[in-house]
Amino acid sequence: MPLEIVGLEKPEIAFEWEDGHRTVYRARDVRLACRCASCIEEMTGRKLLRPEAVPESIVARNISLVGQYAVLIEWSDGHATGIHSFRDLREGCPCESCRARRR
């Protein structure tokens, strides 16, 4: 679980982890990664969300905790049903150090 999440009304969302690591995502990338039933076809896993439908300027309007394992983000495009697990957010960290470790 992150110690801090910063990203309301910003183009990026940052997660500060207990070990001191900082993960920063573009807000749009988090929105495009949504795996809710409105964005991903449940039976086949086919993406339903069209990237061109998500504005480059999208921002998080509200970020709330889901237990101690995830966040629920309400987006400026009105979407508010996707849950993003802390595990996935940390494992998918886009920083150079984390990308190198995954290679």
N, C-alpha and C. Protein backbone atom coordinates (compact mmCIF):
# COMPACT_ATOMS: atom_id res chain seq x y z
N MET A 1 0.85 -1.17 0.00
CA MET A 1 0.00 0.00 0.00
C MET A 1 0.90 1.24 0.00
N PRO A 2 0.61 2.20 -0.86
CA PRO A 2 1.46 3.40 -0.88
C PRO A 2 1.25 4.27 0.35
N LEU A 3 2.28 5.01 0.69
CA LEU A 3 2.18 5.96 1.79
C LEU A 3 1.44 7.22 1.36
N GLU A 4 1.58 7.56 0.06
CA GLU A 4 0.95 8.78 -0.45
C GLU A 4 0.60 8.60 -1.92
N ILE A 5 -0.53 9.18 -2.30
CA ILE A 5 -0.97 9.20 -3.70
C ILE A 5 -1.27 10.66 -4.03
N VAL A 6 -0.62 11.17 -5.07
CA VAL A 6 -0.82 12.56 -5.48
C VAL A 6 -1.19 12.57 -6.95
N GLY A 7 -2.31 13.20 -7.28
CA GLY A 7 -2.67 13.23 -8.70
C GLY A 7 -3.99 13.85 -9.04
N LEU A 8 -4.71 14.39 -8.07
CA LEU A 8 -6.00 15.00 -8.40
C LEU A 8 -5.80 16.20 -9.31
N GLU A 9 -6.58 16.20 -10.39
CA GLU A 9 -6.57 17.30 -11.36
C GLU A 9 -5.20 17.55 -11.97
N LYS A 10 -4.36 16.52 -12.03
CA LYS A 10 -3.01 16.65 -12.59
C LYS A 10 -2.83 15.69 -13.76
N PRO A 11 -1.90 15.98 -14.65
CA PRO A 11 -1.66 15.09 -15.79
C PRO A 11 -0.93 13.80 -15.41
N GLU A 12 -0.43 13.73 -14.18
CA GLU A 12 0.27 12.54 -13.70
C GLU A 12 -0.27 12.14 -12.33
N ILE A 13 -0.15 10.85 -12.03
CA ILE A 13 -0.52 10.33 -10.72
C ILE A 13 0.72 9.66 -10.15
N ALA A 14 1.12 10.08 -8.94
CA ALA A 14 2.33 9.57 -8.31
C ALA A 14 1.98 8.75 -7.06
N PHE A 15 2.69 7.65 -6.89
CA PHE A 15 2.53 6.76 -5.74
C PHE A 15 3.86 6.69 -5.01
N GLU A 16 3.87 7.03 -3.74
CA GLU A 16 5.07 6.91 -2.90
C GLU A 16 4.92 5.64 -2.08
N TRP A 17 5.87 4.71 -2.24
CA TRP A 17 5.80 3.41 -1.58
C TRP A 17 6.60 3.39 -0.29
N GLU A 18 6.31 2.44 0.56
CA GLU A 18 6.96 2.32 1.87
C GLU A 18 8.47 2.20 1.78
N ASP A 19 8.98 1.61 0.69
CA ASP A 19 10.43 1.43 0.55
C ASP A 19 11.12 2.67 -0.04
N GLY A 20 10.35 3.76 -0.21
CA GLY A 20 10.93 5.00 -0.72
C GLY A 20 10.84 5.15 -2.23
N HIS A 21 10.43 4.10 -2.93
CA HIS A 21 10.31 4.19 -4.38
C HIS A 21 9.11 5.07 -4.75
N ARG A 22 9.25 5.80 -5.85
CA ARG A 22 8.17 6.67 -6.34
C ARG A 22 7.80 6.21 -7.75
N THR A 23 6.53 5.88 -7.93
CA THR A 23 6.01 5.47 -9.23
C THR A 23 5.15 6.59 -9.76
N VAL A 24 5.43 7.02 -10.99
CA VAL A 24 4.65 8.10 -11.61
C VAL A 24 4.10 7.62 -12.94
N TYR A 25 2.79 7.70 -13.08
CA TYR A 25 2.11 7.35 -14.32
C TYR A 25 1.47 8.59 -14.93
N ARG A 26 1.42 8.62 -16.25
CA ARG A 26 0.57 9.62 -16.89
C ARG A 26 -0.87 9.22 -16.55
N ALA A 27 -1.70 10.19 -16.20
CA ALA A 27 -3.08 9.90 -15.85
C ALA A 27 -3.78 9.14 -16.97
N ARG A 28 -3.55 9.53 -18.20
CA ARG A 28 -4.18 8.86 -19.34
C ARG A 28 -3.78 7.39 -19.41
N ASP A 29 -2.54 7.06 -19.11
CA ASP A 29 -2.10 5.67 -19.14
C ASP A 29 -2.84 4.82 -18.11
N VAL A 30 -3.09 5.40 -16.93
CA VAL A 30 -3.85 4.67 -15.91
C VAL A 30 -5.29 4.46 -16.38
N ARG A 31 -5.88 5.49 -16.97
CA ARG A 31 -7.25 5.37 -17.49
C ARG A 31 -7.32 4.30 -18.58
N LEU A 32 -6.35 4.28 -19.48
CA LEU A 32 -6.35 3.29 -20.56
C LEU A 32 -6.13 1.86 -20.05
N ALA A 33 -5.55 1.72 -18.86
CA ALA A 33 -5.28 0.40 -18.28
C ALA A 33 -6.47 -0.17 -17.51
N CYS A 34 -7.58 0.54 -17.49
CA CYS A 34 -8.75 0.08 -16.75
C CYS A 34 -9.20 -1.29 -17.25
N ARG A 35 -9.52 -2.17 -16.30
CA ARG A 35 -9.94 -3.53 -16.65
C ARG A 35 -11.37 -3.82 -16.21
N CYS A 36 -12.17 -2.78 -16.02
CA CYS A 36 -13.56 -3.00 -15.61
C CYS A 36 -14.37 -3.56 -16.79
N ALA A 37 -15.58 -4.02 -16.53
CA ALA A 37 -16.40 -4.64 -17.56
C ALA A 37 -16.80 -3.66 -18.67
N SER A 38 -16.75 -2.38 -18.41
CA SER A 38 -17.05 -1.40 -19.46
C SER A 38 -15.86 -1.21 -20.41
N CYS A 39 -14.67 -1.55 -19.94
CA CYS A 39 -13.45 -1.32 -20.73
C CYS A 39 -12.87 -2.59 -21.33
N ILE A 40 -13.17 -3.74 -20.72
CA ILE A 40 -12.66 -5.03 -21.19
C ILE A 40 -13.82 -6.02 -21.23
N GLU A 41 -13.99 -6.72 -22.35
CA GLU A 41 -15.03 -7.73 -22.47
C GLU A 41 -14.69 -8.87 -21.51
N GLU A 42 -15.59 -9.16 -20.60
CA GLU A 42 -15.30 -10.10 -19.52
C GLU A 42 -14.96 -11.51 -19.97
N MET A 43 -15.64 -12.02 -20.97
CA MET A 43 -15.44 -13.41 -21.37
C MET A 43 -14.20 -13.61 -22.24
N THR A 44 -13.91 -12.65 -23.11
CA THR A 44 -12.80 -12.82 -24.06
C THR A 44 -11.56 -12.01 -23.70
N GLY A 45 -11.73 -10.98 -22.86
CA GLY A 45 -10.61 -10.10 -22.55
C GLY A 45 -10.36 -9.05 -23.62
N ARG A 46 -11.23 -8.99 -24.62
CA ARG A 46 -11.09 -8.02 -25.71
C ARG A 46 -11.31 -6.61 -25.18
N LYS A 47 -10.42 -5.70 -25.59
CA LYS A 47 -10.54 -4.31 -25.15
C LYS A 47 -11.77 -3.67 -25.79
N LEU A 48 -12.59 -3.04 -24.96
CA LEU A 48 -13.75 -2.30 -25.44
C LEU A 48 -13.46 -0.80 -25.48
N LEU A 49 -12.57 -0.37 -24.61
CA LEU A 49 -12.22 1.05 -24.53
C LEU A 49 -11.36 1.42 -25.73
N ARG A 50 -11.81 2.38 -26.49
CA ARG A 50 -11.05 2.86 -27.65
C ARG A 50 -10.12 3.97 -27.17
N PRO A 51 -8.81 3.82 -27.36
CA PRO A 51 -7.87 4.85 -26.90
C PRO A 51 -8.18 6.24 -27.44
N GLU A 52 -8.66 6.32 -28.67
CA GLU A 52 -8.97 7.63 -29.23
C GLU A 52 -10.15 8.31 -28.53
N ALA A 53 -10.90 7.56 -27.73
CA ALA A 53 -12.02 8.13 -26.98
C ALA A 53 -11.58 8.75 -25.65
N VAL A 54 -10.33 8.52 -25.27
CA VAL A 54 -9.81 9.04 -24.00
C VAL A 54 -8.96 10.28 -24.30
N PRO A 55 -9.39 11.43 -23.84
CA PRO A 55 -8.64 12.66 -24.14
C PRO A 55 -7.25 12.67 -23.51
N GLU A 56 -6.31 13.27 -24.20
CA GLU A 56 -4.95 13.43 -23.67
C GLU A 56 -4.97 14.21 -22.36
N SER A 57 -5.94 15.09 -22.20
CA SER A 57 -6.01 15.97 -21.04
C SER A 57 -6.77 15.38 -19.85
N ILE A 58 -7.09 14.09 -19.90
CA ILE A 58 -7.87 13.47 -18.82
C ILE A 58 -7.14 13.58 -17.49
N VAL A 59 -7.90 13.79 -16.42
CA VAL A 59 -7.35 13.87 -15.07
C VAL A 59 -8.25 13.12 -14.10
N ALA A 60 -7.67 12.76 -12.96
CA ALA A 60 -8.44 12.13 -11.89
C ALA A 60 -9.17 13.21 -11.12
N ARG A 61 -10.47 13.06 -10.97
CA ARG A 61 -11.27 14.01 -10.18
C ARG A 61 -11.37 13.58 -8.73
N ASN A 62 -11.29 12.27 -8.50
CA ASN A 62 -11.34 11.73 -7.15
C ASN A 62 -10.57 10.42 -7.14
N ILE A 63 -9.81 10.19 -6.08
CA ILE A 63 -9.08 8.93 -5.90
C ILE A 63 -9.43 8.42 -4.51
N SER A 64 -10.00 7.23 -4.44
CA SER A 64 -10.37 6.69 -3.13
C SER A 64 -9.81 5.28 -2.97
N LEU A 65 -9.54 4.92 -1.74
CA LEU A 65 -9.00 3.60 -1.43
C LEU A 65 -10.09 2.55 -1.50
N VAL A 66 -9.71 1.37 -1.98
CA VAL A 66 -10.57 0.20 -1.95
C VAL A 66 -9.85 -0.78 -1.03
N GLY A 67 -10.33 -0.87 0.19
CA GLY A 67 -9.63 -1.68 1.18
C GLY A 67 -8.20 -1.21 1.31
N GLN A 68 -7.28 -2.16 1.43
CA GLN A 68 -5.87 -1.83 1.49
C GLN A 68 -5.13 -2.41 0.29
N TYR A 69 -5.88 -2.60 -0.82
CA TYR A 69 -5.26 -3.25 -1.97
C TYR A 69 -5.39 -2.51 -3.29
N ALA A 70 -6.19 -1.43 -3.34
CA ALA A 70 -6.43 -0.80 -4.64
C ALA A 70 -6.95 0.62 -4.48
N VAL A 71 -7.04 1.30 -5.63
CA VAL A 71 -7.68 2.62 -5.69
C VAL A 71 -8.80 2.57 -6.72
N LEU A 72 -9.81 3.36 -6.47
CA LEU A 72 -10.89 3.61 -7.41
C LEU A 72 -10.76 5.05 -7.82
N ILE A 73 -10.69 5.29 -9.13
CA ILE A 73 -10.47 6.64 -9.63
C ILE A 73 -11.69 7.11 -10.41
N GLU A 74 -12.16 8.29 -10.09
CA GLU A 74 -13.22 8.94 -10.86
C GLU A 74 -12.53 9.91 -11.81
N TRP A 75 -12.77 9.71 -13.12
CA TRP A 75 -12.06 10.45 -14.15
C TRP A 75 -12.87 11.62 -14.70
N SER A 76 -12.17 12.55 -15.29
CA SER A 76 -12.81 13.73 -15.87
C SER A 76 -13.68 13.39 -17.07
N ASP A 77 -13.55 12.17 -17.63
CA ASP A 77 -14.43 11.76 -18.74
C ASP A 77 -15.70 11.09 -18.23
N GLY A 78 -15.86 11.06 -16.89
CA GLY A 78 -17.07 10.49 -16.29
C GLY A 78 -16.93 9.02 -15.90
N HIS A 79 -15.87 8.35 -16.29
CA HIS A 79 -15.68 6.94 -15.94
C HIS A 79 -15.32 6.83 -14.46
N ALA A 80 -15.93 5.84 -13.77
CA ALA A 80 -15.66 5.71 -12.33
C ALA A 80 -15.87 4.29 -11.83
N THR A 81 -15.61 3.28 -12.67
CA THR A 81 -15.85 1.91 -12.21
C THR A 81 -14.61 1.03 -12.16
N GLY A 82 -13.47 1.53 -12.59
CA GLY A 82 -12.27 0.71 -12.60
C GLY A 82 -11.50 0.74 -11.30
N ILE A 83 -11.06 -0.42 -10.87
CA ILE A 83 -10.24 -0.55 -9.67
C ILE A 83 -8.82 -0.91 -10.12
N HIS A 84 -7.83 -0.19 -9.59
CA HIS A 84 -6.43 -0.41 -9.93
C HIS A 84 -5.71 -0.91 -8.69
N SER A 85 -5.24 -2.16 -8.73
CA SER A 85 -4.60 -2.74 -7.55
C SER A 85 -3.22 -2.14 -7.34
N PHE A 86 -2.84 -2.01 -6.09
CA PHE A 86 -1.51 -1.50 -5.76
C PHE A 86 -0.43 -2.43 -6.32
N ARG A 87 -0.68 -3.72 -6.28
CA ARG A 87 0.29 -4.68 -6.81
C ARG A 87 0.57 -4.40 -8.28
N ASP A 88 -0.50 -4.24 -9.07
CA ASP A 88 -0.32 -3.98 -10.50
C ASP A 88 0.34 -2.63 -10.74
N LEU A 89 -0.04 -1.63 -9.97
CA LEU A 89 0.56 -0.30 -10.13
C LEU A 89 2.05 -0.33 -9.82
N ARG A 90 2.42 -1.06 -8.79
CA ARG A 90 3.84 -1.14 -8.43
C ARG A 90 4.62 -1.99 -9.44
N GLU A 91 4.06 -3.14 -9.81
CA GLU A 91 4.75 -4.03 -10.74
C GLU A 91 4.89 -3.43 -12.13
N GLY A 92 3.97 -2.55 -12.51
CA GLY A 92 4.02 -1.94 -13.82
C GLY A 92 4.71 -0.59 -13.84
N CYS A 93 5.40 -0.25 -12.77
CA CYS A 93 6.06 1.05 -12.67
C CYS A 93 6.84 1.34 -13.96
N PRO A 94 6.60 2.51 -14.57
CA PRO A 94 7.25 2.81 -15.84
C PRO A 94 8.64 3.45 -15.73
N CYS A 95 9.18 3.59 -14.52
CA CYS A 95 10.49 4.23 -14.40
C CYS A 95 11.56 3.34 -15.03
N GLU A 96 12.68 3.95 -15.40
CA GLU A 96 13.75 3.22 -16.08
C GLU A 96 14.29 2.07 -15.23
N SER A 97 14.46 2.29 -13.94
CA SER A 97 14.98 1.26 -13.06
C SER A 97 14.07 0.03 -13.03
N CYS A 98 12.78 0.25 -12.91
CA CYS A 98 11.83 -0.87 -12.87
C CYS A 98 11.72 -1.55 -14.22
N ARG A 99 11.74 -0.78 -15.30
CA ARG A 99 11.69 -1.39 -16.64
C ARG A 99 12.91 -2.27 -16.87
N ALA A 100 14.08 -1.80 -16.44
CA ALA A 100 15.30 -2.59 -16.60
C ALA A 100 15.22 -3.89 -15.81
N ARG A 101 14.67 -3.84 -14.61
CA ARG A 101 14.54 -5.03 -13.78
C ARG A 101 13.60 -6.05 -14.41
N ARG A 102 12.57 -5.60 -15.13
CA ARG A 102 11.61 -6.52 -15.76
C ARG A 102 12.18 -7.17 -17.01
N ARG A 103 13.22 -6.62 -17.60
CA ARG A 103 13.79 -7.18 -18.85
C ARG A 103 14.50 -8.47 -18.60
